[in-house]
Amino acid sequence: KSGISDAGIATVMALIARHGGFEYARRAAEIRAERAIACLDRFANNEYRAALIEQARYVVTRDR
């Protein structure tokens, strides 16, 4: 089992949330995903490119 208790995890998560860490991380991920998608503009518009775009967006929007 982990060396940190459930209460400890909850405390750390509350601190992260209070200081905007989750929002900051999500926004940073969104920016990087959009940059990655923009880099795909040089490639042909096909199912492979579409799959990469879908994956980049999924990583940012997934629930867990």
Protein backbone atom coordinates (compact mmCIF):
# COMPACT_ATOMS: atom_id res chain seq x y z
CA LYS A 1 0.00 0.00 0.00
CA SER A 2 1.06 3.59 -0.60
CA GLY A 3 2.96 5.43 2.10
CA ILE A 4 0.40 8.24 2.08
CA SER A 5 -3.04 7.91 3.63
CA ASP A 6 -6.32 8.71 1.90
CA ALA A 7 -6.61 11.73 4.18
CA GLY A 8 -3.13 12.84 3.13
CA ILE A 9 -4.05 12.53 -0.53
CA ALA A 10 -7.22 14.53 0.08
CA THR A 11 -5.20 17.24 1.81
CA VAL A 12 -2.72 17.50 -1.05
CA MET A 13 -5.51 17.57 -3.64
CA ALA A 14 -7.30 20.32 -1.69
CA LEU A 15 -4.11 22.39 -1.65
CA ILE A 16 -3.62 21.92 -5.37
CA ALA A 17 -7.23 22.91 -6.04
CA ARG A 18 -7.08 25.93 -3.72
CA HIS A 19 -4.04 27.30 -5.52
CA GLY A 20 -5.41 26.70 -9.03
CA GLY A 21 -3.05 23.85 -9.86
CA PHE A 22 -5.60 21.69 -11.63
CA GLU A 23 -6.82 24.55 -13.81
CA TYR A 24 -3.25 25.58 -14.59
CA ALA A 25 -2.30 22.04 -15.61
CA ARG A 26 -5.43 21.64 -17.77
CA ARG A 27 -4.79 24.94 -19.55
CA ALA A 28 -1.13 24.05 -20.12
CA ALA A 29 -2.21 20.71 -21.59
CA GLU A 30 -4.78 22.43 -23.83
CA ILE A 31 -2.15 24.84 -25.14
CA ARG A 32 0.30 22.04 -25.89
CA ALA A 33 -2.38 19.93 -27.56
CA GLU A 34 -3.40 22.83 -29.80
CA ARG A 35 0.25 23.44 -30.72
CA ALA A 36 0.63 19.77 -31.60
CA ILE A 37 -2.52 19.89 -33.71
CA ALA A 38 -1.24 23.00 -35.50
CA CYS A 39 1.95 21.12 -36.38
CA LEU A 40 -0.18 18.56 -38.20
CA ASP A 41 -1.32 21.19 -40.72
CA ARG A 42 1.62 20.30 -42.96
CA PHE A 43 0.34 16.75 -43.41
CA ALA A 44 -2.38 15.51 -45.72
CA ASN A 45 -5.90 15.56 -44.38
CA ASN A 46 -6.49 11.84 -43.94
CA GLU A 47 -7.61 9.32 -41.33
CA TYR A 48 -4.14 9.20 -39.71
CA ARG A 49 -4.01 12.95 -39.19
CA ALA A 50 -7.60 12.91 -37.94
CA ALA A 51 -6.73 10.15 -35.46
CA LEU A 52 -3.78 12.15 -34.11
CA ILE A 53 -5.97 15.24 -33.71
CA GLU A 54 -8.64 13.20 -31.97
CA GLN A 55 -6.06 11.70 -29.61
CA ALA A 56 -4.59 15.10 -28.73
CA ARG A 57 -8.05 16.44 -27.89
CA TYR A 58 -9.05 13.31 -25.99
CA VAL A 59 -6.04 13.49 -23.70
CA VAL A 60 -7.08 16.98 -22.62
CA THR A 61 -10.82 16.39 -22.30
CA ARG A 62 -10.95 12.91 -20.78
CA ASP A 63 -12.50 12.62 -17.35
CA ARG A 64 -9.75 10.48 -15.81
